[in-house]
């Protein structure tokens, strides 16, 4: 009985203390707490509003392109070459060119980007050198694409003698996408717990074996994020390929890496600004834009699917 009475008294005292805390929260001395709550709600509201506005803008743009581009969609439009001053026919060479340039840029940027990220995150010992390299990478990420186009024109097209070709465009797009791959790969490597490395080294593995067998497989799903960004950036670029790879029209499909090629972004640009029959090709412009958006979305979805399967496989 005594124990029950003591327990009851403890419960009552705890309830009284909770009531006292609740009352003091509304006292003038706790105005700062109330103000912080209000500021927090306002900030969260602004964040939600910004997300809603961005989503709404995306829906409006996609709906606009879909409304004007859908009438141009046909099997002929997707499988034939342009003809009659671009007012008839299809965009099949542009689709092929965009896919070749995008995946070519990925094949160049991904290995170099991952290798650079491994060096910076796993091997580099000089903090000053790492800061300088990262500063250069961040600056490259902010350089306009037209500057990369002029760089590719002077180096790959002129100095290295590649001419206006797929190879020159792929190298230019690879250089443009490289900072994205490095940044995403570094973040993926940092996300791997340090205990993974310590356990591997403790079992007698060398540093390279630890990186190759343990760290890279764990970081690979995150690295695919860099691949997704690379595909999206490369597929939608116009300025970087207009000097190095893309032409307004070519009657034949490319036979080698040193042939020029048509591409969807440049095709849209030319039809909308320099075409001889701009009004007659208006439906082709929107149709090409719709195909480009769908192509980028499809490539991104494929990369996301592969990343999800790899994450499930390694249990992260």
C-alpha atoms as a PDB file:
ATOM      1  CA  UNK A   1       0.000   0.000   0.000  1.00  0.00           C
ATOM      2  CA  UNK A   2       2.836   2.349   0.847  1.00  0.00           C
ATOM      3  CA  UNK A   3       4.453   1.645  -2.522  1.00  0.00           C
ATOM      4  CA  UNK A   4       1.185   2.377  -4.332  1.00  0.00           C
ATOM      5  CA  UNK A   5       0.796   5.662  -2.504  1.00  0.00           C
ATOM      6  CA  UNK A   6       4.348   6.696  -3.313  1.00  0.00           C
ATOM      7  CA  UNK A   7       3.832   5.836  -6.998  1.00  0.00           C
ATOM      8  CA  UNK A   8       0.619   7.874  -7.092  1.00  0.00           C
ATOM      9  CA  UNK A   9       2.369  10.842  -5.558  1.00  0.00           C
ATOM     10  CA  UNK A  10       5.169  10.612  -8.149  1.00  0.00           C
ATOM     11  CA  UNK A  11       2.641  10.536 -11.001  1.00  0.00           C
ATOM     12  CA  UNK A  12       0.815  13.565  -9.601  1.00  0.00           C
ATOM     13  CA  UNK A  13       4.056  15.494  -9.203  1.00  0.00           C
ATOM     14  CA  UNK A  14       5.061  14.700 -12.782  1.00  0.00           C
ATOM     15  CA  UNK A  15       1.681  15.887 -14.083  1.00  0.00           C
ATOM     16  CA  UNK A  16       1.999  19.094 -12.087  1.00  0.00           C
ATOM     17  CA  UNK A  17       5.489  19.724 -13.473  1.00  0.00           C
ATOM     18  CA  UNK A  18       4.255  19.163 -17.045  1.00  0.00           C
ATOM     19  CA  UNK A  19       1.415  21.621 -16.469  1.00  0.00           C
ATOM     20  CA  UNK A  20       3.909  24.112 -15.066  1.00  0.00           C
ATOM     21  CA  UNK A  21       6.119  23.739 -18.169  1.00  0.00           C
ATOM     22  CA  UNK A  22       3.124  24.166 -20.473  1.00  0.00           C
ATOM     23  CA  UNK A  23       2.091  27.336 -18.617  1.00  0.00           C
ATOM     24  CA  UNK A  24       5.567  28.833 -18.650  1.00  0.00           C
ATOM     25  CA  UNK A  25       5.841  28.266 -22.415  1.00  0.00           C
ATOM     26  CA  UNK A  26       3.163  30.912 -22.867  1.00  0.00           C
ATOM     27  CA  UNK A  27       4.706  33.405 -20.494  1.00  0.00           C
ATOM     28  CA  UNK A  28       6.311  36.599 -21.918  1.00  0.00           C
ATOM     29  CA  UNK A  29       9.764  35.247 -21.134  1.00  0.00           C
ATOM     30  CA  UNK A  30       9.287  32.527 -23.732  1.00  0.00           C
ATOM     31  CA  UNK A  31       8.417  34.838 -26.592  1.00  0.00           C
ATOM     32  CA  UNK A  32      11.604  33.903 -28.429  1.00  0.00           C
ATOM     33  CA  UNK A  33      10.447  30.276 -28.629  1.00  0.00           C
ATOM     34  CA  UNK A  34       7.118  31.338 -30.099  1.00  0.00           C
ATOM     35  CA  UNK A  35       8.881  33.618 -32.562  1.00  0.00           C
ATOM     36  CA  UNK A  36      11.142  30.780 -33.701  1.00  0.00           C
ATOM     37  CA  UNK A  37       8.084  28.619 -34.341  1.00  0.00           C
ATOM     38  CA  UNK A  38       6.546  31.350 -36.476  1.00  0.00           C
ATOM     39  CA  UNK A  39       9.771  31.858 -38.441  1.00  0.00           C
ATOM     40  CA  UNK A  40      10.064  28.115 -38.967  1.00  0.00           C
ATOM     41  CA  UNK A  41       6.526  27.897 -40.329  1.00  0.00           C
ATOM     42  CA  UNK A  42       7.153  30.838 -42.669  1.00  0.00           C
ATOM     43  CA  UNK A  43      10.385  29.324 -43.978  1.00  0.00           C
ATOM     44  CA  UNK A  44       8.751  25.935 -44.535  1.00  0.00           C
ATOM     45  CA  UNK A  45       5.893  27.661 -46.339  1.00  0.00           C
ATOM     46  CA  UNK A  46       8.368  29.442 -48.620  1.00  0.00           C
ATOM     47  CA  UNK A  47      10.142  26.173 -49.370  1.00  0.00           C
ATOM     48  CA  UNK A  48       6.876  24.448 -50.204  1.00  0.00           C
ATOM     49  CA  UNK A  49       5.798  27.386 -52.355  1.00  0.00           C
ATOM     50  CA  UNK A  50       9.085  27.349 -54.275  1.00  0.00           C
ATOM     51  CA  UNK A  51       8.733  23.610 -54.907  1.00  0.00           C
ATOM     52  CA  UNK A  52       5.127  24.052 -56.020  1.00  0.00           C
ATOM     53  CA  UNK A  53       6.038  26.926 -58.373  1.00  0.00           C
ATOM     54  CA  UNK A  54       8.866  24.906 -59.933  1.00  0.00           C
ATOM     55  CA  UNK A  55       6.605  21.903 -60.384  1.00  0.00           C
ATOM     56  CA  UNK A  56       3.861  24.052 -61.879  1.00  0.00           C
ATOM     57  CA  UNK A  57       6.294  25.731 -64.280  1.00  0.00           C
ATOM     58  CA  UNK A  58       7.563  22.313 -65.403  1.00  0.00           C
ATOM     59  CA  UNK A  59       4.014  21.086 -65.993  1.00  0.00           C
ATOM     60  CA  UNK A  60       3.143  24.209 -67.988  1.00  0.00           C
ATOM     61  CA  UNK A  61       6.230  23.901 -70.204  1.00  0.00           C
ATOM     62  CA  UNK A  62       5.716  20.183 -70.780  1.00  0.00           C
ATOM     63  CA  UNK A  63       2.012  20.721 -71.456  1.00  0.00           C
ATOM     64  CA  UNK A  64       2.778  23.527 -73.907  1.00  0.00           C
ATOM     65  CA  UNK A  65       5.313  21.416 -75.828  1.00  0.00           C
ATOM     66  CA  UNK A  66       2.994  18.406 -75.740  1.00  0.00           C
ATOM     67  CA  UNK A  67       0.029  20.415 -77.044  1.00  0.00           C
ATOM     68  CA  UNK A  68       1.885  21.832 -80.041  1.00  0.00           C
ATOM     69  CA  UNK A  69       4.250  18.920 -80.650  1.00  0.00           C
ATOM     70  CA  UNK A  70       1.880  15.972 -80.450  1.00  0.00           C
ATOM     71  CA  UNK A  71       0.215  16.702 -83.848  1.00  0.00           C
ATOM     72  CA  UNK A  72       3.634  16.279 -85.522  1.00  0.00           C
ATOM     73  CA  UNK A  73       4.138  12.793 -84.073  1.00  0.00           C
ATOM     74  CA  UNK A  74       3.945   9.959 -86.592  1.00  0.00           C
ATOM     75  CA  UNK A  75       5.914   6.887 -87.586  1.00  0.00           C
ATOM     76  CA  UNK A  76       7.241   8.802 -90.588  1.00  0.00           C
ATOM     77  CA  UNK A  77       8.382  11.668 -88.364  1.00  0.00           C
ATOM     78  CA  UNK A  78      10.388   9.320 -86.154  1.00  0.00           C
ATOM     79  CA  UNK A  79      11.906   7.053 -88.816  1.00  0.00           C
ATOM     80  CA  UNK A  80      12.643   9.192 -91.886  1.00  0.00           C
ATOM     81  CA  UNK A  81      15.149  11.890 -92.771  1.00  0.00           C
ATOM     82  CA  UNK A  82      14.200  15.547 -93.336  1.00  0.00           C
ATOM     83  CA  UNK A  83      13.424  16.605 -96.896  1.00  0.00           C
ATOM     84  CA  UNK A  84      12.062  19.527 -98.915  1.00  0.00           C
ATOM     85  CA  UNK A  85      13.964  22.252 -97.010  1.00  0.00           C
ATOM     86  CA  UNK A  86      13.153  20.601 -93.672  1.00  0.00           C
ATOM     87  CA  UNK A  87       9.407  21.160 -94.109  1.00  0.00           C
ATOM     88  CA  UNK A  88       8.676  17.452 -94.606  1.00  0.00           C
ATOM     89  CA  UNK A  89      10.033  14.108 -93.549  1.00  0.00           C
ATOM     90  CA  UNK A  90      11.295  13.146 -90.121  1.00  0.00           C
ATOM     91  CA  UNK A  91      14.099  13.527 -87.612  1.00  0.00           C
ATOM     92  CA  UNK A  92      15.565  10.030 -87.398  1.00  0.00           C
ATOM     93  CA  UNK A  93      19.185  11.173 -88.104  1.00  0.00           C
ATOM     94  CA  UNK A  94      18.833  13.766 -85.324  1.00  0.00           C
ATOM     95  CA  UNK A  95      17.692  11.113 -82.842  1.00  0.00           C
ATOM     96  CA  UNK A  96      20.618   8.848 -83.734  1.00  0.00           C
ATOM     97  CA  UNK A  97      23.082  11.733 -83.513  1.00  0.00           C
ATOM     98  CA  UNK A  98      21.832  12.843 -80.098  1.00  0.00           C
ATOM     99  CA  UNK A  99      22.076   9.307 -78.674  1.00  0.00           C
ATOM    100  CA  UNK A 100      25.588   8.812 -80.083  1.00  0.00           C
ATOM    101  CA  UNK A 101      26.841  12.152 -78.756  1.00  0.00           C
ATOM    102  CA  UNK A 102      25.255  11.673 -75.312  1.00  0.00           C
ATOM    103  CA  UNK A 103      26.525   8.170 -74.668  1.00  0.00           C
ATOM    104  CA  UNK A 104      29.881   9.018 -76.218  1.00  0.00           C
ATOM    105  CA  UNK A 105      30.280  11.912 -73.791  1.00  0.00           C
ATOM    106  CA  UNK A 106      29.307   9.585 -70.941  1.00  0.00           C
ATOM    107  CA  UNK A 107      31.952   7.040 -71.964  1.00  0.00           C
ATOM    108  CA  UNK A 108      34.607   9.761 -71.824  1.00  0.00           C
ATOM    109  CA  UNK A 109      33.480  11.692 -68.742  1.00  0.00           C
ATOM    110  CA  UNK A 110      32.583   8.766 -66.461  1.00  0.00           C
ATOM    111  CA  UNK A 111      35.980   6.976 -66.282  1.00  0.00           C
ATOM    112  CA  UNK A 112      37.953  10.229 -65.977  1.00  0.00           C
ATOM    113  CA  UNK A 113      35.509  11.644 -63.453  1.00  0.00           C
ATOM    114  CA  UNK A 114      35.533   8.545 -61.249  1.00  0.00           C
ATOM    115  CA  UNK A 115      39.333   8.321 -61.412  1.00  0.00           C
ATOM    116  CA  UNK A 116      39.649  11.975 -60.391  1.00  0.00           C
ATOM    117  CA  UNK A 117      37.189  11.510 -57.523  1.00  0.00           C
ATOM    118  CA  UNK A 118      39.088   8.445 -56.272  1.00  0.00           C
ATOM    119  CA  UNK A 119      42.342  10.392 -56.259  1.00  0.00           C
ATOM    120  CA  UNK A 120      40.872  13.383 -54.443  1.00  0.00           C
ATOM    121  CA  UNK A 121      38.984  11.339 -51.862  1.00  0.00           C
ATOM    122  CA  UNK A 122      41.265   8.344 -51.311  1.00  0.00           C
ATOM    123  CA  UNK A 123      44.842   9.166 -52.312  1.00  0.00           C
ATOM    124  CA  UNK A 124      45.476  12.911 -52.181  1.00  0.00           C
ATOM    125  CA  UNK A 125      47.429  13.899 -49.074  1.00  0.00           C
ATOM    126  CA  UNK A 126      48.038  17.601 -49.679  1.00  0.00           C
ATOM    127  CA  UNK A 127      45.035  19.663 -48.529  1.00  0.00           C
ATOM    128  CA  UNK A 128      46.268  22.673 -50.471  1.00  0.00           C
ATOM    129  CA  UNK A 129      46.521  20.704 -53.728  1.00  0.00           C
ATOM    130  CA  UNK A 130      43.051  19.252 -53.181  1.00  0.00           C
ATOM    131  CA  UNK A 131      41.612  22.734 -52.599  1.00  0.00           C
ATOM    132  CA  UNK A 132      43.204  24.019 -55.820  1.00  0.00           C
ATOM    133  CA  UNK A 133      41.903  21.083 -57.856  1.00  0.00           C
ATOM    134  CA  UNK A 134      38.405  21.397 -56.422  1.00  0.00           C
ATOM    135  CA  UNK A 135      38.429  25.133 -57.072  1.00  0.00           C
ATOM    136  CA  UNK A 136      39.256  24.445 -60.708  1.00  0.00           C
ATOM    137  CA  UNK A 137      36.503  21.822 -60.946  1.00  0.00           C
ATOM    138  CA  UNK A 138      33.919  24.182 -59.433  1.00  0.00           C
ATOM    139  CA  UNK A 139      34.949  26.940 -61.833  1.00  0.00           C
ATOM    140  CA  UNK A 140      34.655  24.561 -64.793  1.00  0.00           C
ATOM    141  CA  UNK A 141      31.141  23.629 -63.690  1.00  0.00           C
ATOM    142  CA  UNK A 142      30.114  27.285 -64.023  1.00  0.00           C
ATOM    143  CA  UNK A 143      31.675  27.954 -67.436  1.00  0.00           C
ATOM    144  CA  UNK A 144      29.042  28.607 -70.162  1.00  0.00           C
ATOM    145  CA  UNK A 145      28.670  25.824 -72.709  1.00  0.00           C
ATOM    146  CA  UNK A 146      29.526  28.159 -75.601  1.00  0.00           C
ATOM    147  CA  UNK A 147      33.014  28.533 -74.114  1.00  0.00           C
ATOM    148  CA  UNK A 148      33.397  24.755 -74.201  1.00  0.00           C
ATOM    149  CA  UNK A 149      32.228  24.861 -77.809  1.00  0.00           C
ATOM    150  CA  UNK A 150      34.923  27.376 -78.737  1.00  0.00           C
ATOM    151  CA  UNK A 151      37.480  25.322 -76.793  1.00  0.00           C
ATOM    152  CA  UNK A 152      36.479  22.204 -78.721  1.00  0.00           C
ATOM    153  CA  UNK A 153      36.624  24.114 -81.989  1.00  0.00           C
ATOM    154  CA  UNK A 154      40.161  25.328 -81.378  1.00  0.00           C
ATOM    155  CA  UNK A 155      41.583  22.131 -79.847  1.00  0.00           C
ATOM    156  CA  UNK A 156      39.763  19.104 -81.231  1.00  0.00           C
ATOM    157  CA  UNK A 157      38.554  20.465 -84.579  1.00  0.00           C
ATOM    158  CA  UNK A 158      41.555  22.598 -85.561  1.00  0.00           C
ATOM    159  CA  UNK A 159      44.679  21.634 -83.616  1.00  0.00           C
ATOM    160  CA  UNK A 160      44.030  17.889 -83.421  1.00  0.00           C
ATOM    161  CA  UNK A 161      42.580  17.800 -86.926  1.00  0.00           C
ATOM    162  CA  UNK A 162      39.355  15.943 -86.096  1.00  0.00           C
ATOM    163  CA  UNK A 163      37.256  18.358 -88.112  1.00  0.00           C
ATOM    164  CA  UNK A 164      33.550  18.810 -87.460  1.00  0.00           C
ATOM    165  CA  UNK A 165      32.846  15.241 -86.375  1.00  0.00           C
ATOM    166  CA  UNK A 166      31.247  12.998 -83.803  1.00  0.00           C
ATOM    167  CA  UNK A 167      34.604  12.496 -82.112  1.00  0.00           C
ATOM    168  CA  UNK A 168      35.192  16.230 -81.674  1.00  0.00           C
ATOM    169  CA  UNK A 169      31.682  16.709 -80.320  1.00  0.00           C
ATOM    170  CA  UNK A 170      31.972  13.758 -77.931  1.00  0.00           C
ATOM    171  CA  UNK A 171      35.280  15.064 -76.541  1.00  0.00           C
ATOM    172  CA  UNK A 172      33.811  18.535 -76.091  1.00  0.00           C
ATOM    173  CA  UNK A 173      30.686  17.253 -74.346  1.00  0.00           C
ATOM    174  CA  UNK A 174      32.830  14.976 -72.206  1.00  0.00           C
ATOM    175  CA  UNK A 175      34.894  17.931 -71.020  1.00  0.00           C
ATOM    176  CA  UNK A 176      31.697  19.889 -70.327  1.00  0.00           C
ATOM    177  CA  UNK A 177      30.144  17.066 -68.273  1.00  0.00           C
ATOM    178  CA  UNK A 178      33.326  16.133 -66.393  1.00  0.00           C
ATOM    179  CA  UNK A 179      32.787  18.481 -63.384  1.00  0.00           C
ATOM    180  CA  UNK A 180      29.320  16.988 -62.804  1.00  0.00           C
ATOM    181  CA  UNK A 181      30.687  13.451 -62.763  1.00  0.00           C
ATOM    182  CA  UNK A 182      33.546  14.366 -60.418  1.00  0.00           C
ATOM    183  CA  UNK A 183      31.232  16.093 -57.948  1.00  0.00           C
ATOM    184  CA  UNK A 184      28.696  13.252 -57.879  1.00  0.00           C
ATOM    185  CA  UNK A 185      31.422  10.604 -57.610  1.00  0.00           C
ATOM    186  CA  UNK A 186      33.125  12.387 -54.714  1.00  0.00           C
ATOM    187  CA  UNK A 187      29.855  12.603 -52.807  1.00  0.00           C
ATOM    188  CA  UNK A 188      29.252   8.894 -53.434  1.00  0.00           C
ATOM    189  CA  UNK A 189      32.706   7.992 -52.124  1.00  0.00           C
ATOM    190  CA  UNK A 190      32.218  10.144 -49.013  1.00  0.00           C
ATOM    191  CA  UNK A 191      28.935   8.357 -48.290  1.00  0.00           C
ATOM    192  CA  UNK A 192      30.712   4.999 -47.925  1.00  0.00           C
ATOM    193  CA  UNK A 193      31.284   4.418 -44.183  1.00  0.00           C
ATOM    194  CA  UNK A 194      34.898   4.573 -43.061  1.00  0.00           C
ATOM    195  CA  UNK A 195      34.398   1.279 -41.229  1.00  0.00           C
ATOM    196  CA  UNK A 196      34.217  -0.478 -44.618  1.00  0.00           C
ATOM    197  CA  UNK A 197      37.744   0.644 -45.391  1.00  0.00           C
ATOM    198  CA  UNK A 198      39.043  -0.133 -41.910  1.00  0.00           C
ATOM    199  CA  UNK A 199      37.565  -3.645 -41.938  1.00  0.00           C
ATOM    200  CA  UNK A 200      39.061  -4.409 -45.349  1.00  0.00           C
ATOM    201  CA  UNK A 201      42.487  -3.096 -44.410  1.00  0.00           C
ATOM    202  CA  UNK A 202      42.295  -4.968 -41.126  1.00  0.00           C
ATOM    203  CA  UNK A 203      41.784  -8.224 -43.030  1.00  0.00           C
ATOM    204  CA  UNK A 204      45.016  -7.654 -44.927  1.00  0.00           C
ATOM    205  CA  UNK A 205      43.768  -6.095 -48.167  1.00  0.00           C
ATOM    206  CA  UNK A 206      45.850  -3.419 -49.846  1.00  0.00           C
ATOM    207  CA  UNK A 207      44.548   0.111 -50.319  1.00  0.00           C
ATOM    208  CA  UNK A 208      43.775  -0.474 -54.002  1.00  0.00           C
ATOM    209  CA  UNK A 209      42.047  -3.796 -53.246  1.00  0.00           C
ATOM    210  CA  UNK A 210      39.956  -2.021 -50.630  1.00  0.00           C
ATOM    211  CA  UNK A 211      38.948   0.683 -53.095  1.00  0.00           C
ATOM    212  CA  UNK A 212      38.300  -1.722 -55.967  1.00  0.00           C
ATOM    213  CA  UNK A 213      36.554  -4.512 -54.052  1.00  0.00           C
ATOM    214  CA  UNK A 214      34.795  -2.626 -51.251  1.00  0.00           C
ATOM    215  CA  UNK A 215      34.509   1.137 -51.743  1.00  0.00           C
ATOM    216  CA  UNK A 216      33.656   1.333 -55.447  1.00  0.00           C
ATOM    217  CA  UNK A 217      30.830  -1.263 -55.371  1.00  0.00           C
ATOM    218  CA  UNK A 218      29.277   0.531 -52.395  1.00  0.00           C
ATOM    219  CA  UNK A 219      29.603   3.952 -54.064  1.00  0.00           C
ATOM    220  CA  UNK A 220      28.580   2.886 -57.570  1.00  0.00           C
ATOM    221  CA  UNK A 221      24.838   3.632 -57.217  1.00  0.00           C
ATOM    222  CA  UNK A 222      25.657   7.189 -56.201  1.00  0.00           C
ATOM    223  CA  UNK A 223      28.125   7.519 -59.056  1.00  0.00           C
ATOM    224  CA  UNK A 224      25.339   6.659 -61.474  1.00  0.00           C
ATOM    225  CA  UNK A 225      23.771   9.959 -60.418  1.00  0.00           C
ATOM    226  CA  UNK A 226      26.686  11.636 -62.172  1.00  0.00           C
ATOM    227  CA  UNK A 227      25.969   9.490 -65.209  1.00  0.00           C
ATOM    228  CA  UNK A 228      22.333  10.608 -65.221  1.00  0.00           C
ATOM    229  CA  UNK A 229      23.343  14.269 -65.035  1.00  0.00           C
ATOM    230  CA  UNK A 230      25.890  13.707 -67.797  1.00  0.00           C
ATOM    231  CA  UNK A 231      23.300  12.220 -70.135  1.00  0.00           C
ATOM    232  CA  UNK A 232      20.837  15.022 -69.462  1.00  0.00           C
ATOM    233  CA  UNK A 233      23.427  17.764 -69.932  1.00  0.00           C
ATOM    234  CA  UNK A 234      24.951  16.235 -73.069  1.00  0.00           C
ATOM    235  CA  UNK A 235      21.632  15.470 -74.750  1.00  0.00           C
ATOM    236  CA  UNK A 236      20.347  19.030 -74.378  1.00  0.00           C
ATOM    237  CA  UNK A 237      23.469  20.986 -75.322  1.00  0.00           C
ATOM    238  CA  UNK A 238      23.482  23.129 -78.449  1.00  0.00           C
ATOM    239  CA  UNK A 239      26.372  25.587 -78.166  1.00  0.00           C
ATOM    240  CA  UNK A 240      28.931  22.882 -77.383  1.00  0.00           C
ATOM    241  CA  UNK A 241      28.172  20.888 -80.550  1.00  0.00           C
ATOM    242  CA  UNK A 242      27.283  23.595 -83.057  1.00  0.00           C
ATOM    243  CA  UNK A 243      31.006  24.314 -83.612  1.00  0.00           C
ATOM    244  CA  UNK A 244      32.316  20.781 -83.258  1.00  0.00           C
ATOM    245  CA  UNK A 245      29.902  18.066 -84.402  1.00  0.00           C
ATOM    246  CA  UNK A 246      26.440  19.123 -85.545  1.00  0.00           C
ATOM    247  CA  UNK A 247      25.386  20.211 -89.040  1.00  0.00           C
ATOM    248  CA  UNK A 248      22.095  21.581 -90.300  1.00  0.00           C
ATOM    249  CA  UNK A 249      21.526  18.729 -92.733  1.00  0.00           C
ATOM    250  CA  UNK A 250      23.384  15.690 -93.973  1.00  0.00           C
ATOM    251  CA  UNK A 251      21.787  13.217 -96.393  1.00  0.00           C
ATOM    252  CA  UNK A 252      23.635  10.166 -95.059  1.00  0.00           C
ATOM    253  CA  UNK A 253      23.896   8.521 -91.670  1.00  0.00           C
ATOM    254  CA  UNK A 254      27.379   8.783 -90.104  1.00  0.00           C
ATOM    255  CA  UNK A 255      29.674   5.912 -91.057  1.00  0.00           C
ATOM    256  CA  UNK A 256      32.514   6.627 -88.625  1.00  0.00           C
ATOM    257  CA  UNK A 257      33.425   8.725 -85.596  1.00  0.00           C
ATOM    258  CA  UNK A 258      34.960  11.333 -87.878  1.00  0.00           C
ATOM    259  CA  UNK A 259      31.753  12.115 -89.777  1.00  0.00           C
ATOM    260  CA  UNK A 260      29.512  15.046 -88.928  1.00  0.00           C
ATOM    261  CA  UNK A 261      26.070  14.377 -87.535  1.00  0.00           C
ATOM    262  CA  UNK A 262      22.653  15.927 -87.002  1.00  0.00           C
ATOM    263  CA  UNK A 263      21.403  16.432 -83.436  1.00  0.00           C
ATOM    264  CA  UNK A 264      18.037  17.320 -81.928  1.00  0.00           C
ATOM    265  CA  UNK A 265      19.058  20.503 -80.016  1.00  0.00           C
ATOM    266  CA  UNK A 266      20.865  21.996 -82.992  1.00  0.00           C
ATOM    267  CA  UNK A 267      18.020  20.978 -85.302  1.00  0.00           C
ATOM    268  CA  UNK A 268      15.538  22.878 -83.118  1.00  0.00           C
ATOM    269  CA  UNK A 269      17.835  25.901 -82.976  1.00  0.00           C
ATOM    270  CA  UNK A 270      18.276  26.081 -86.742  1.00  0.00           C
ATOM    271  CA  UNK A 271      14.600  25.544 -87.539  1.00  0.00           C
ATOM    272  CA  UNK A 272      13.552  28.240 -85.076  1.00  0.00           C
ATOM    273  CA  UNK A 273      16.153  30.881 -85.988  1.00  0.00           C
ATOM    274  CA  UNK A 274      17.747  30.307 -89.385  1.00  0.00           C
ATOM    275  CA  UNK A 275      15.401  28.095 -91.348  1.00  0.00           C
ATOM    276  CA  UNK A 276      14.089  29.186 -94.741  1.00  0.00           C
ATOM    277  CA  UNK A 277      10.502  28.257 -93.851  1.00  0.00           C
ATOM    278  CA  UNK A 278      10.203  29.013 -90.159  1.00  0.00           C
ATOM    279  CA  UNK A 279       6.383  29.123 -90.044  1.00  0.00           C
ATOM    280  CA  UNK A 280       5.990  25.965 -92.117  1.00  0.00           C
ATOM    281  CA  UNK A 281       8.333  24.100 -89.799  1.00  0.00           C
ATOM    282  CA  UNK A 282       6.709  25.297 -86.591  1.00  0.00           C
ATOM    283  CA  UNK A 283       5.070  21.921 -85.923  1.00  0.00           C
ATOM    284  CA  UNK A 284       8.410  20.184 -86.580  1.00  0.00           C
ATOM    285  CA  UNK A 285      10.100  22.449 -84.036  1.00  0.00           C
ATOM    286  CA  UNK A 286       7.646  21.498 -81.306  1.00  0.00           C
ATOM    287  CA  UNK A 287       7.650  17.857 -82.373  1.00  0.00           C
ATOM    288  CA  UNK A 288      11.445  17.750 -82.194  1.00  0.00           C
ATOM    289  CA  UNK A 289      11.348  19.405 -78.767  1.00  0.00           C
ATOM    290  CA  UNK A 290       8.878  16.785 -77.566  1.00  0.00           C
ATOM    291  CA  UNK A 291      11.091  13.976 -78.857  1.00  0.00           C
ATOM    292  CA  UNK A 292      14.142  15.511 -77.151  1.00  0.00           C
ATOM    293  CA  UNK A 293      12.335  15.782 -73.802  1.00  0.00           C
ATOM    294  CA  UNK A 294      11.073  12.209 -74.133  1.00  0.00           C
ATOM    295  CA  UNK A 295      14.535  10.956 -75.081  1.00  0.00           C
ATOM    296  CA  UNK A 296      16.190  12.641 -72.104  1.00  0.00           C
ATOM    297  CA  UNK A 297      13.452  11.384 -69.791  1.00  0.00           C
ATOM    298  CA  UNK A 298      13.811   7.860 -71.158  1.00  0.00           C
ATOM    299  CA  UNK A 299      17.591   7.822 -70.719  1.00  0.00           C
ATOM    300  CA  UNK A 300      17.242   9.193 -67.188  1.00  0.00           C
ATOM    301  CA  UNK A 301      14.618   6.608 -66.273  1.00  0.00           C
ATOM    302  CA  UNK A 302      16.847   3.830 -67.577  1.00  0.00           C
ATOM    303  CA  UNK A 303      19.790   5.080 -65.519  1.00  0.00           C
ATOM    304  CA  UNK A 304      17.589   5.468 -62.418  1.00  0.00           C
ATOM    305  CA  UNK A 305      16.265   1.925 -62.867  1.00  0.00           C
ATOM    306  CA  UNK A 306      19.794   0.536 -63.105  1.00  0.00           C
ATOM    307  CA  UNK A 307      20.854   2.522 -60.035  1.00  0.00           C
ATOM    308  CA  UNK A 308      17.871   1.246 -58.029  1.00  0.00           C
ATOM    309  CA  UNK A 309      18.663  -2.366 -58.930  1.00  0.00           C
ATOM    310  CA  UNK A 310      22.290  -1.918 -57.908  1.00  0.00           C
ATOM    311  CA  UNK A 311      21.289  -0.318 -54.599  1.00  0.00           C
ATOM    312  CA  UNK A 312      18.953  -3.228 -53.912  1.00  0.00           C
ATOM    313  CA  UNK A 313      21.665  -5.709 -54.811  1.00  0.00           C
ATOM    314  CA  UNK A 314      24.211  -4.312 -52.358  1.00  0.00           C
ATOM    315  CA  UNK A 315      21.584  -3.620 -49.711  1.00  0.00           C
ATOM    316  CA  UNK A 316      21.998   0.163 -49.434  1.00  0.00           C
END
